[in-house]
Amino acid sequence: NTAQSAISMLLTTFTCGHVVPAQNVLMTCLSKGPSGVKLDFRHSSRCLDSTCRELGETVIKVIEEIPHGMVIFLPSYSYEAFLINKWKSTGIFKRILEKKKIFREPKS
């Protein structure tokens, strides 16, 4: 679609000679999650229950389609900790663990 093409022209992808071949890298932007809730990660809305739940459901949908691993980048370690705590309290974290192992990058 035209909007996706316009966004793609603004984004640059690179793998820095990483162990993952370029053809195995997919970068995309999602504006809505699987139930249609807007994925709005501005500071004022990223901690809303609806945003956290929709992100978790989006991750679950994606990992159901990805045969091996995936990497999720978050804006900060504190937001990562917040999301994991939120997902643990709602059962989303358990559902993710039932499908994939989770490895977290240490702060240091």
C-alpha atoms as a PDB file:
ATOM      1  CA  ASN A   1       0.000   0.000   0.000  1.00  0.00           C
ATOM      2  CA  THR A   2       1.063   3.596  -0.517  1.00  0.00           C
ATOM      3  CA  ALA A   3       1.450   4.514   3.168  1.00  0.00           C
ATOM      4  CA  GLN A   4       3.650   1.475   3.819  1.00  0.00           C
ATOM      5  CA  SER A   5       5.787   2.308   0.773  1.00  0.00           C
ATOM      6  CA  ALA A   6       6.225   5.878   2.008  1.00  0.00           C
ATOM      7  CA  ILE A   7       7.250   4.674   5.460  1.00  0.00           C
ATOM      8  CA  SER A   8       9.654   2.121   3.970  1.00  0.00           C
ATOM      9  CA  MET A   9      11.423   4.890   2.067  1.00  0.00           C
ATOM     10  CA  LEU A  10      12.040   6.724   5.367  1.00  0.00           C
ATOM     11  CA  LEU A  11      13.533   3.704   7.156  1.00  0.00           C
ATOM     12  CA  THR A  12      16.972   2.251   6.749  1.00  0.00           C
ATOM     13  CA  THR A  13      17.743  -1.359   7.540  1.00  0.00           C
ATOM     14  CA  PHE A  14      21.155  -2.861   8.053  1.00  0.00           C
ATOM     15  CA  THR A  15      22.552  -5.986   9.652  1.00  0.00           C
ATOM     16  CA  CYS A  16      26.146  -4.852  10.316  1.00  0.00           C
ATOM     17  CA  GLY A  17      27.511  -8.175   9.129  1.00  0.00           C
ATOM     18  CA  HIS A  18      25.530  -9.849  11.882  1.00  0.00           C
ATOM     19  CA  VAL A  19      25.110 -13.615  12.177  1.00  0.00           C
ATOM     20  CA  VAL A  20      21.587 -13.270  10.801  1.00  0.00           C
ATOM     21  CA  PRO A  21      21.532 -13.110   6.994  1.00  0.00           C
ATOM     22  CA  ALA A  22      19.856 -10.010   5.554  1.00  0.00           C
ATOM     23  CA  GLN A  23      17.147 -12.122   3.897  1.00  0.00           C
ATOM     24  CA  ASN A  24      16.102 -13.307   7.374  1.00  0.00           C
ATOM     25  CA  VAL A  25      15.553  -9.781   8.677  1.00  0.00           C
ATOM     26  CA  LEU A  26      12.139  -8.188   8.461  1.00  0.00           C
ATOM     27  CA  MET A  27      11.551  -4.689   9.705  1.00  0.00           C
ATOM     28  CA  THR A  28       8.006  -3.458   9.789  1.00  0.00           C
ATOM     29  CA  CYS A  29       5.828  -0.911  11.531  1.00  0.00           C
ATOM     30  CA  LEU A  30       2.454  -1.813  12.944  1.00  0.00           C
ATOM     31  CA  SER A  31      -0.132   0.812  13.758  1.00  0.00           C
ATOM     32  CA  LYS A  32      -2.663  -1.603  15.280  1.00  0.00           C
ATOM     33  CA  GLY A  33      -2.553  -4.897  17.105  1.00  0.00           C
ATOM     34  CA  PRO A  34      -4.571  -8.042  16.368  1.00  0.00           C
ATOM     35  CA  SER A  35      -7.737  -6.756  18.048  1.00  0.00           C
ATOM     36  CA  GLY A  36      -7.514  -3.385  16.313  1.00  0.00           C
ATOM     37  CA  VAL A  37      -6.230  -1.371  19.281  1.00  0.00           C
ATOM     38  CA  LYS A  38      -3.894   1.421  18.195  1.00  0.00           C
ATOM     39  CA  LEU A  39      -0.255   0.727  19.078  1.00  0.00           C
ATOM     40  CA  ASP A  40       0.663   4.133  20.483  1.00  0.00           C
ATOM     41  CA  PHE A  41       3.960   4.151  22.340  1.00  0.00           C
ATOM     42  CA  ARG A  42       4.211   7.815  23.158  1.00  0.00           C
ATOM     43  CA  HIS A  43       5.299   8.275  26.751  1.00  0.00           C
ATOM     44  CA  SER A  44       1.782   9.291  27.788  1.00  0.00           C
ATOM     45  CA  SER A  45       0.150   6.095  26.534  1.00  0.00           C
ATOM     46  CA  ARG A  46       2.723   3.314  26.443  1.00  0.00           C
ATOM     47  CA  CYS A  47       1.912   2.133  29.987  1.00  0.00           C
ATOM     48  CA  LEU A  48      -1.857   1.948  29.502  1.00  0.00           C
ATOM     49  CA  ASP A  49      -3.291  -1.506  30.123  1.00  0.00           C
ATOM     50  CA  SER A  50      -4.786  -1.557  26.621  1.00  0.00           C
ATOM     51  CA  THR A  51      -1.447  -0.718  24.978  1.00  0.00           C
ATOM     52  CA  CYS A  52       0.492  -3.297  27.011  1.00  0.00           C
ATOM     53  CA  ARG A  53      -2.103  -5.992  26.390  1.00  0.00           C
ATOM     54  CA  GLU A  54      -2.242  -5.272  22.658  1.00  0.00           C
ATOM     55  CA  LEU A  55       1.551  -5.344  22.364  1.00  0.00           C
ATOM     56  CA  GLY A  56       1.623  -8.683  24.181  1.00  0.00           C
ATOM     57  CA  GLU A  57      -1.079 -10.107  21.915  1.00  0.00           C
ATOM     58  CA  THR A  58       0.834  -8.811  18.893  1.00  0.00           C
ATOM     59  CA  VAL A  59       4.011 -10.547  20.080  1.00  0.00           C
ATOM     60  CA  ILE A  60       2.078 -13.779  20.562  1.00  0.00           C
ATOM     61  CA  LYS A  61       0.597 -13.576  17.056  1.00  0.00           C
ATOM     62  CA  VAL A  62       4.010 -12.913  15.520  1.00  0.00           C
ATOM     63  CA  ILE A  63       5.799 -15.722  17.378  1.00  0.00           C
ATOM     64  CA  GLU A  64       3.101 -18.127  16.219  1.00  0.00           C
ATOM     65  CA  GLU A  65       4.260 -17.401  12.661  1.00  0.00           C
ATOM     66  CA  ILE A  66       8.037 -17.243  13.249  1.00  0.00           C
ATOM     67  CA  PRO A  67       9.563 -20.734  13.237  1.00  0.00           C
ATOM     68  CA  HIS A  68      12.665 -19.829  15.233  1.00  0.00           C
ATOM     69  CA  GLY A  69      13.735 -16.751  17.134  1.00  0.00           C
ATOM     70  CA  MET A  70      13.002 -13.072  16.992  1.00  0.00           C
ATOM     71  CA  VAL A  71      14.338  -9.912  18.577  1.00  0.00           C
ATOM     72  CA  ILE A  72      12.184  -7.232  20.136  1.00  0.00           C
ATOM     73  CA  PHE A  73      13.698  -3.819  20.750  1.00  0.00           C
ATOM     74  CA  LEU A  74      12.219  -1.616  23.463  1.00  0.00           C
ATOM     75  CA  PRO A  75      13.060   2.019  24.258  1.00  0.00           C
ATOM     76  CA  SER A  76      14.502   1.360  27.729  1.00  0.00           C
ATOM     77  CA  TYR A  77      15.295  -1.294  30.319  1.00  0.00           C
ATOM     78  CA  SER A  78      12.733   0.260  32.645  1.00  0.00           C
ATOM     79  CA  TYR A  79       9.986  -0.107  30.035  1.00  0.00           C
ATOM     80  CA  GLU A  80      11.061  -3.700  29.423  1.00  0.00           C
ATOM     81  CA  ALA A  81      10.787  -4.435  33.167  1.00  0.00           C
ATOM     82  CA  PHE A  82       7.404  -2.686  33.299  1.00  0.00           C
ATOM     83  CA  LEU A  83       6.072  -4.731  30.358  1.00  0.00           C
ATOM     84  CA  ILE A  84       7.325  -8.023  31.739  1.00  0.00           C
ATOM     85  CA  ASN A  85       5.712  -7.329  35.114  1.00  0.00           C
ATOM     86  CA  LYS A  86       2.469  -6.312  33.390  1.00  0.00           C
ATOM     87  CA  TRP A  87       2.534  -9.379  31.148  1.00  0.00           C
ATOM     88  CA  LYS A  88       3.241 -11.652  34.124  1.00  0.00           C
ATOM     89  CA  SER A  89       0.232 -10.238  35.976  1.00  0.00           C
ATOM     90  CA  THR A  90      -2.060 -10.777  32.982  1.00  0.00           C
ATOM     91  CA  GLY A  91      -0.827 -14.207  31.865  1.00  0.00           C
ATOM     92  CA  ILE A  92       0.620 -12.929  28.592  1.00  0.00           C
ATOM     93  CA  PHE A  93       4.190 -13.693  29.685  1.00  0.00           C
ATOM     94  CA  LYS A  94       3.265 -17.325  30.398  1.00  0.00           C
ATOM     95  CA  ARG A  95       1.610 -17.626  26.978  1.00  0.00           C
ATOM     96  CA  ILE A  96       4.773 -16.296  25.318  1.00  0.00           C
ATOM     97  CA  LEU A  97       6.952 -18.728  27.293  1.00  0.00           C
ATOM     98  CA  GLU A  98       4.761 -21.609  26.149  1.00  0.00           C
ATOM     99  CA  LYS A  99       5.824 -20.815  22.572  1.00  0.00           C
ATOM    100  CA  LYS A 100       9.375 -19.404  22.813  1.00  0.00           C
ATOM    101  CA  LYS A 101      12.270 -19.113  25.226  1.00  0.00           C
ATOM    102  CA  ILE A 102      12.953 -15.561  26.330  1.00  0.00           C
ATOM    103  CA  PHE A 103      16.476 -14.202  26.568  1.00  0.00           C
ATOM    104  CA  ARG A 104      16.949 -10.718  27.991  1.00  0.00           C
ATOM    105  CA  GLU A 105      19.964  -8.551  27.368  1.00  0.00           C
ATOM    106  CA  PRO A 106      21.616  -7.524  30.638  1.00  0.00           C
ATOM    107  CA  LYS A 107      21.978  -3.829  31.413  1.00  0.00           C
ATOM    108  CA  SER A 108      25.745  -3.967  31.766  1.00  0.00           C
END
